[in-house]
Amino acid sequence: MRTVGRVGVVLAVAVAALAIAGRPPAAAATAVPRCDSVAGNLIHNCGFDKGLQGWRSQAVTTIAFDARHGIPAPGALRMTNQPASEAGASTCVAVPSAATYEVSGYLQRLDGPGACLVFLEEHPTADCGKGASAFHQLADETLVRGTFTQVRGSTALRRDTVAVRAGFACYGEQDDDVQSVLLDNVTLRRVEPGGDPPAKPGSHR
């Protein structure tokens, strides 16, 4: 009787293994779409296929192209701060009309704990050359080191806004922390006001 029981257990394990093997990979269910395939995305070089073109540093930050990391494909912007400064980067984008826009990006801390926020500046000129007419902090998310996390938020723009500066800023737990953060797969798109709130940010390795 014991032998029969063992055989039954072995068969059950084998069947379970076959069932698991037949399932699609878990990553497939949570695959991140490429930003250049997202309908209505206004950001050029959103996945850094052209290096750092169109992007600039915020505060006292050194930015560089990272060819090894990225989501969903290799290639990301790496931000490294100086003591008592954020690690940040931004890009200026002309908007076709005053409406509600959402900014989204995936960020990964390479070292140390801390949080990142997404912001949007409104500008009355297409090149964002003059001072901002409004500033919005859209979202703030604590990041897990070594994991890409989506950070996003939306806001309505003023009627006289013709361009926006969309960006991200990251902070350590202490003022003198010097850390590096990756940014990739960024989108800026028009959304319907008063719609469903953004889903909880997802994390991807």
C-alpha atoms as a PDB file:
ATOM      1  CA  MET A   1       0.000   0.000   0.000  1.00  0.00           C
ATOM      2  CA  ARG A   2       2.828   2.355   0.795  1.00  0.00           C
ATOM      3  CA  THR A   3       4.381   1.663  -2.640  1.00  0.00           C
ATOM      4  CA  VAL A   4       1.117   2.584  -4.337  1.00  0.00           C
ATOM      5  CA  GLY A   5       0.976   5.795  -2.296  1.00  0.00           C
ATOM      6  CA  ARG A   6       4.465   6.755  -3.374  1.00  0.00           C
ATOM      7  CA  VAL A   7       3.644   6.108  -7.019  1.00  0.00           C
ATOM      8  CA  GLY A   8       0.545   8.275  -6.686  1.00  0.00           C
ATOM      9  CA  VAL A   9       2.585  11.102  -5.229  1.00  0.00           C
ATOM     10  CA  VAL A  10       5.167  10.849  -8.022  1.00  0.00           C
ATOM     11  CA  LEU A  11       2.421  10.925 -10.666  1.00  0.00           C
ATOM     12  CA  ALA A  12       0.777  13.936  -9.015  1.00  0.00           C
ATOM     13  CA  VAL A  13       4.063  15.854  -8.955  1.00  0.00           C
ATOM     14  CA  ALA A  14       4.720  14.981 -12.607  1.00  0.00           C
ATOM     15  CA  VAL A  15       1.269  16.167 -13.661  1.00  0.00           C
ATOM     16  CA  ALA A  16       1.712  19.422 -11.738  1.00  0.00           C
ATOM     17  CA  ALA A  17       5.096  20.001 -13.352  1.00  0.00           C
ATOM     18  CA  LEU A  18       3.639  19.485 -16.808  1.00  0.00           C
ATOM     19  CA  ALA A  19       0.816  21.895 -16.049  1.00  0.00           C
ATOM     20  CA  ILE A  20       3.248  24.563 -14.877  1.00  0.00           C
ATOM     21  CA  ALA A  21       5.472  24.024 -17.912  1.00  0.00           C
ATOM     22  CA  GLY A  22       2.495  24.597 -20.186  1.00  0.00           C
ATOM     23  CA  ARG A  23       1.701  27.984 -18.710  1.00  0.00           C
ATOM     24  CA  PRO A  24       3.034  31.175 -20.309  1.00  0.00           C
ATOM     25  CA  PRO A  25       5.851  32.901 -18.402  1.00  0.00           C
ATOM     26  CA  ALA A  26       4.667  35.228 -15.641  1.00  0.00           C
ATOM     27  CA  ALA A  27       6.609  38.098 -17.234  1.00  0.00           C
ATOM     28  CA  ALA A  28       4.477  37.844 -20.349  1.00  0.00           C
ATOM     29  CA  ALA A  29       1.391  38.800 -18.366  1.00  0.00           C
ATOM     30  CA  THR A  30       3.096  41.923 -17.018  1.00  0.00           C
ATOM     31  CA  ALA A  31       5.124  42.866 -20.087  1.00  0.00           C
ATOM     32  CA  VAL A  32       5.866  46.580 -20.347  1.00  0.00           C
ATOM     33  CA  PRO A  33       4.952  48.105 -23.737  1.00  0.00           C
ATOM     34  CA  ARG A  34       7.601  50.161 -25.514  1.00  0.00           C
ATOM     35  CA  CYS A  35       6.991  53.861 -25.038  1.00  0.00           C
ATOM     36  CA  ASP A  36       7.271  54.563 -28.765  1.00  0.00           C
ATOM     37  CA  SER A  37       4.310  52.250 -29.358  1.00  0.00           C
ATOM     38  CA  VAL A  38       2.041  53.960 -26.803  1.00  0.00           C
ATOM     39  CA  ALA A  39      -0.719  55.855 -28.619  1.00  0.00           C
ATOM     40  CA  GLY A  40      -0.448  59.623 -28.265  1.00  0.00           C
ATOM     41  CA  ASN A  41       3.007  59.696 -26.653  1.00  0.00           C
ATOM     42  CA  LEU A  42       4.524  63.143 -27.309  1.00  0.00           C
ATOM     43  CA  ILE A  43       8.056  62.488 -26.029  1.00  0.00           C
ATOM     44  CA  HIS A  44      10.772  62.013 -28.635  1.00  0.00           C
ATOM     45  CA  ASN A  45      13.606  59.685 -27.643  1.00  0.00           C
ATOM     46  CA  CYS A  46      11.381  58.254 -24.922  1.00  0.00           C
ATOM     47  CA  GLY A  47      13.372  55.010 -24.734  1.00  0.00           C
ATOM     48  CA  PHE A  48      16.803  56.630 -25.229  1.00  0.00           C
ATOM     49  CA  ASP A  49      17.416  54.940 -28.569  1.00  0.00           C
ATOM     50  CA  LYS A  50      19.207  58.175 -29.531  1.00  0.00           C
ATOM     51  CA  GLY A  51      21.279  58.393 -26.380  1.00  0.00           C
ATOM     52  CA  LEU A  52      20.573  61.531 -24.335  1.00  0.00           C
ATOM     53  CA  GLN A  53      19.213  63.593 -27.234  1.00  0.00           C
ATOM     54  CA  GLY A  54      16.520  66.007 -26.052  1.00  0.00           C
ATOM     55  CA  TRP A  55      17.198  65.454 -22.332  1.00  0.00           C
ATOM     56  CA  ARG A  56      19.014  67.627 -19.805  1.00  0.00           C
ATOM     57  CA  SER A  57      20.071  67.288 -16.188  1.00  0.00           C
ATOM     58  CA  GLN A  58      18.223  68.851 -13.255  1.00  0.00           C
ATOM     59  CA  ALA A  59      20.059  70.576 -10.393  1.00  0.00           C
ATOM     60  CA  VAL A  60      23.602  69.250  -9.831  1.00  0.00           C
ATOM     61  CA  THR A  61      23.223  65.960 -11.687  1.00  0.00           C
ATOM     62  CA  THR A  62      25.487  64.080 -14.057  1.00  0.00           C
ATOM     63  CA  ILE A  63      23.552  62.208 -16.750  1.00  0.00           C
ATOM     64  CA  ALA A  64      24.915  59.446 -18.961  1.00  0.00           C
ATOM     65  CA  PHE A  65      23.648  56.780 -21.323  1.00  0.00           C
ATOM     66  CA  ASP A  66      23.518  53.265 -19.856  1.00  0.00           C
ATOM     67  CA  ALA A  67      23.581  50.640 -22.612  1.00  0.00           C
ATOM     68  CA  ARG A  68      23.276  47.600 -20.332  1.00  0.00           C
ATOM     69  CA  HIS A  69      20.074  48.306 -18.422  1.00  0.00           C
ATOM     70  CA  GLY A  70      16.585  49.303 -19.503  1.00  0.00           C
ATOM     71  CA  ILE A  71      12.943  48.324 -19.754  1.00  0.00           C
ATOM     72  CA  PRO A  72      11.610  46.658 -21.831  1.00  0.00           C
ATOM     73  CA  ALA A  73      14.914  46.727 -23.772  1.00  0.00           C
ATOM     74  CA  PRO A  74      18.483  47.738 -22.872  1.00  0.00           C
ATOM     75  CA  GLY A  75      19.264  51.451 -23.047  1.00  0.00           C
ATOM     76  CA  ALA A  76      18.450  53.962 -20.293  1.00  0.00           C
ATOM     77  CA  LEU A  77      19.407  57.356 -18.893  1.00  0.00           C
ATOM     78  CA  ARG A  78      21.528  57.185 -15.735  1.00  0.00           C
ATOM     79  CA  MET A  79      21.303  60.085 -13.256  1.00  0.00           C
ATOM     80  CA  THR A  80      23.950  60.574 -10.553  1.00  0.00           C
ATOM     81  CA  ASN A  81      23.560  63.364  -8.028  1.00  0.00           C
ATOM     82  CA  GLN A  82      26.032  65.385  -5.981  1.00  0.00           C
ATOM     83  CA  PRO A  83      25.765  65.811  -2.187  1.00  0.00           C
ATOM     84  CA  ALA A  84      22.814  67.963  -1.098  1.00  0.00           C
ATOM     85  CA  SER A  85      21.264  67.723  -4.577  1.00  0.00           C
ATOM     86  CA  GLU A  86      18.660  65.619  -6.307  1.00  0.00           C
ATOM     87  CA  ALA A  87      19.378  63.254  -9.180  1.00  0.00           C
ATOM     88  CA  GLY A  88      17.137  64.504 -11.956  1.00  0.00           C
ATOM     89  CA  ALA A  89      16.535  64.797 -15.683  1.00  0.00           C
ATOM     90  CA  SER A  90      13.886  66.427 -17.876  1.00  0.00           C
ATOM     91  CA  THR A  91      12.812  67.108 -21.440  1.00  0.00           C
ATOM     92  CA  CYS A  92      10.844  69.946 -23.081  1.00  0.00           C
ATOM     93  CA  VAL A  93       7.813  68.945 -25.165  1.00  0.00           C
ATOM     94  CA  ALA A  94       5.393  71.104 -27.166  1.00  0.00           C
ATOM     95  CA  VAL A  95       1.746  70.263 -26.471  1.00  0.00           C
ATOM     96  CA  PRO A  96      -0.949  70.618 -29.143  1.00  0.00           C
ATOM     97  CA  SER A  97      -3.608  71.962 -26.772  1.00  0.00           C
ATOM     98  CA  ALA A  98      -4.332  72.790 -23.161  1.00  0.00           C
ATOM     99  CA  ALA A  99      -5.783  69.633 -21.673  1.00  0.00           C
ATOM    100  CA  THR A 100      -5.011  67.041 -19.006  1.00  0.00           C
ATOM    101  CA  TYR A 101      -1.704  65.233 -19.536  1.00  0.00           C
ATOM    102  CA  GLU A 102      -0.120  62.249 -17.863  1.00  0.00           C
ATOM    103  CA  VAL A 103       3.627  61.745 -17.392  1.00  0.00           C
ATOM    104  CA  SER A 104       4.952  58.232 -16.789  1.00  0.00           C
ATOM    105  CA  GLY A 105       8.411  56.731 -16.493  1.00  0.00           C
ATOM    106  CA  TYR A 106      10.213  53.698 -15.121  1.00  0.00           C
ATOM    107  CA  LEU A 107      12.957  54.290 -12.569  1.00  0.00           C
ATOM    108  CA  GLN A 108      15.451  51.994 -10.857  1.00  0.00           C
ATOM    109  CA  ARG A 109      17.848  52.837  -8.035  1.00  0.00           C
ATOM    110  CA  LEU A 110      21.278  51.307  -8.548  1.00  0.00           C
ATOM    111  CA  ASP A 111      22.345  51.877  -4.954  1.00  0.00           C
ATOM    112  CA  GLY A 112      20.913  53.032  -1.661  1.00  0.00           C
ATOM    113  CA  PRO A 113      17.350  53.715  -0.497  1.00  0.00           C
ATOM    114  CA  GLY A 114      15.237  56.704  -1.467  1.00  0.00           C
ATOM    115  CA  ALA A 115      12.293  57.998  -3.483  1.00  0.00           C
ATOM    116  CA  CYS A 116      11.651  59.548  -6.907  1.00  0.00           C
ATOM    117  CA  LEU A 117       9.010  62.015  -8.015  1.00  0.00           C
ATOM    118  CA  VAL A 118       7.613  62.979 -11.390  1.00  0.00           C
ATOM    119  CA  PHE A 119       6.937  66.647 -12.154  1.00  0.00           C
ATOM    120  CA  LEU A 120       5.568  68.846 -14.923  1.00  0.00           C
ATOM    121  CA  GLU A 121       6.395  72.497 -15.600  1.00  0.00           C
ATOM    122  CA  GLU A 122       4.141  74.621 -17.815  1.00  0.00           C
ATOM    123  CA  HIS A 123       5.751  77.078 -20.244  1.00  0.00           C
ATOM    124  CA  PRO A 124       4.377  79.875 -22.493  1.00  0.00           C
ATOM    125  CA  THR A 125       7.056  79.291 -25.153  1.00  0.00           C
ATOM    126  CA  ALA A 126       7.620  76.201 -27.316  1.00  0.00           C
ATOM    127  CA  ASP A 127      11.277  75.834 -26.294  1.00  0.00           C
ATOM    128  CA  CYS A 128      10.632  76.164 -22.530  1.00  0.00           C
ATOM    129  CA  GLY A 129      13.115  79.055 -22.710  1.00  0.00           C
ATOM    130  CA  LYS A 130      11.322  81.404 -20.324  1.00  0.00           C
ATOM    131  CA  GLY A 131      10.412  80.779 -16.738  1.00  0.00           C
ATOM    132  CA  ALA A 132       7.714  78.265 -15.902  1.00  0.00           C
ATOM    133  CA  SER A 133       4.189  79.599 -15.473  1.00  0.00           C
ATOM    134  CA  ALA A 134       3.197  76.669 -13.252  1.00  0.00           C
ATOM    135  CA  PHE A 135       4.835  73.674 -11.545  1.00  0.00           C
ATOM    136  CA  HIS A 136       3.160  70.386 -10.637  1.00  0.00           C
ATOM    137  CA  GLN A 137       4.508  67.504  -8.564  1.00  0.00           C
ATOM    138  CA  LEU A 138       2.461  64.631  -9.956  1.00  0.00           C
ATOM    139  CA  ALA A 139       3.574  61.591  -7.960  1.00  0.00           C
ATOM    140  CA  ASP A 140       6.166  60.425  -5.450  1.00  0.00           C
ATOM    141  CA  GLU A 141       7.226  56.792  -5.097  1.00  0.00           C
ATOM    142  CA  THR A 142       9.729  54.974  -2.884  1.00  0.00           C
ATOM    143  CA  LEU A 143      11.908  52.730  -5.032  1.00  0.00           C
ATOM    144  CA  VAL A 144      13.379  49.291  -4.414  1.00  0.00           C
ATOM    145  CA  ARG A 145      17.040  48.999  -5.387  1.00  0.00           C
ATOM    146  CA  GLY A 146      17.597  46.869  -8.480  1.00  0.00           C
ATOM    147  CA  THR A 147      13.961  46.960  -9.657  1.00  0.00           C
ATOM    148  CA  PHE A 148      12.291  49.185 -12.265  1.00  0.00           C
ATOM    149  CA  THR A 149       9.210  50.908 -10.833  1.00  0.00           C
ATOM    150  CA  GLN A 150       6.663  52.894 -12.802  1.00  0.00           C
ATOM    151  CA  VAL A 151       6.017  56.390 -11.440  1.00  0.00           C
ATOM    152  CA  ARG A 152       3.237  58.430 -13.042  1.00  0.00           C
ATOM    153  CA  GLY A 153       0.685  61.168 -12.497  1.00  0.00           C
ATOM    154  CA  SER A 154      -1.457  63.673 -14.385  1.00  0.00           C
ATOM    155  CA  THR A 155      -2.599  67.289 -14.246  1.00  0.00           C
ATOM    156  CA  ALA A 156      -4.665  69.808 -16.214  1.00  0.00           C
ATOM    157  CA  LEU A 157      -2.758  72.581 -18.036  1.00  0.00           C
ATOM    158  CA  ARG A 158      -3.421  76.303 -18.253  1.00  0.00           C
ATOM    159  CA  ARG A 159      -4.959  77.675 -21.441  1.00  0.00           C
ATOM    160  CA  ASP A 160      -1.852  79.697 -22.312  1.00  0.00           C
ATOM    161  CA  THR A 161       0.536  76.731 -22.019  1.00  0.00           C
ATOM    162  CA  VAL A 162       2.214  75.742 -25.294  1.00  0.00           C
ATOM    163  CA  ALA A 163       4.961  73.468 -23.947  1.00  0.00           C
ATOM    164  CA  VAL A 164       5.823  71.505 -20.829  1.00  0.00           C
ATOM    165  CA  ARG A 165       9.008  70.301 -19.194  1.00  0.00           C
ATOM    166  CA  ALA A 166       8.438  66.756 -17.989  1.00  0.00           C
ATOM    167  CA  GLY A 167      10.962  65.382 -15.560  1.00  0.00           C
ATOM    168  CA  PHE A 168      11.943  63.148 -12.690  1.00  0.00           C
ATOM    169  CA  ALA A 169      13.855  63.898  -9.486  1.00  0.00           C
ATOM    170  CA  CYS A 170      15.228  61.357  -7.013  1.00  0.00           C
ATOM    171  CA  TYR A 171      16.396  61.805  -3.427  1.00  0.00           C
ATOM    172  CA  GLY A 172      18.316  59.709  -0.918  1.00  0.00           C
ATOM    173  CA  GLU A 173      17.442  59.402   2.748  1.00  0.00           C
ATOM    174  CA  GLN A 174      20.278  61.752   3.767  1.00  0.00           C
ATOM    175  CA  ASP A 175      21.261  65.106   2.234  1.00  0.00           C
ATOM    176  CA  ASP A 176      24.786  63.924   1.501  1.00  0.00           C
ATOM    177  CA  ASP A 177      23.762  60.666  -0.209  1.00  0.00           C
ATOM    178  CA  VAL A 178      25.317  60.235  -3.664  1.00  0.00           C
ATOM    179  CA  GLN A 179      23.389  57.680  -5.686  1.00  0.00           C
ATOM    180  CA  SER A 180      22.625  56.662  -9.251  1.00  0.00           C
ATOM    181  CA  VAL A 181      19.163  56.111 -10.699  1.00  0.00           C
ATOM    182  CA  LEU A 182      18.100  54.776 -14.097  1.00  0.00           C
ATOM    183  CA  LEU A 183      15.222  56.270 -16.125  1.00  0.00           C
ATOM    184  CA  ASP A 184      13.578  54.612 -19.130  1.00  0.00           C
ATOM    185  CA  ASN A 185      10.388  54.177 -21.151  1.00  0.00           C
ATOM    186  CA  VAL A 186       8.932  57.658 -20.614  1.00  0.00           C
ATOM    187  CA  THR A 187       5.533  58.798 -21.899  1.00  0.00           C
ATOM    188  CA  LEU A 188       3.636  62.081 -21.979  1.00  0.00           C
ATOM    189  CA  ARG A 189       0.123  61.785 -23.324  1.00  0.00           C
ATOM    190  CA  ARG A 190      -3.252  63.446 -23.162  1.00  0.00           C
ATOM    191  CA  VAL A 191      -5.782  61.724 -20.904  1.00  0.00           C
ATOM    192  CA  GLU A 192      -9.417  62.331 -20.114  1.00  0.00           C
ATOM    193  CA  PRO A 193      -9.932  64.449 -16.980  1.00  0.00           C
ATOM    194  CA  GLY A 194     -11.780  62.825 -14.131  1.00  0.00           C
ATOM    195  CA  GLY A 195     -11.186  59.333 -15.480  1.00  0.00           C
ATOM    196  CA  ASP A 196     -10.079  56.279 -13.595  1.00  0.00           C
ATOM    197  CA  PRO A 197      -7.132  56.962 -11.285  1.00  0.00           C
ATOM    198  CA  PRO A 198      -3.793  55.503 -12.370  1.00  0.00           C
ATOM    199  CA  ALA A 199      -3.219  51.918 -11.376  1.00  0.00           C
ATOM    200  CA  LYS A 200      -0.741  51.245  -8.588  1.00  0.00           C
ATOM    201  CA  PRO A 201       2.784  51.525  -9.997  1.00  0.00           C
ATOM    202  CA  GLY A 202       4.271  48.205 -11.008  1.00  0.00           C
ATOM    203  CA  SER A 203       7.778  46.898 -10.430  1.00  0.00           C
ATOM    204  CA  HIS A 204       9.889  44.946 -12.901  1.00  0.00           C
ATOM    205  CA  ARG A 205      13.367  43.483 -12.672  1.00  0.00           C
END
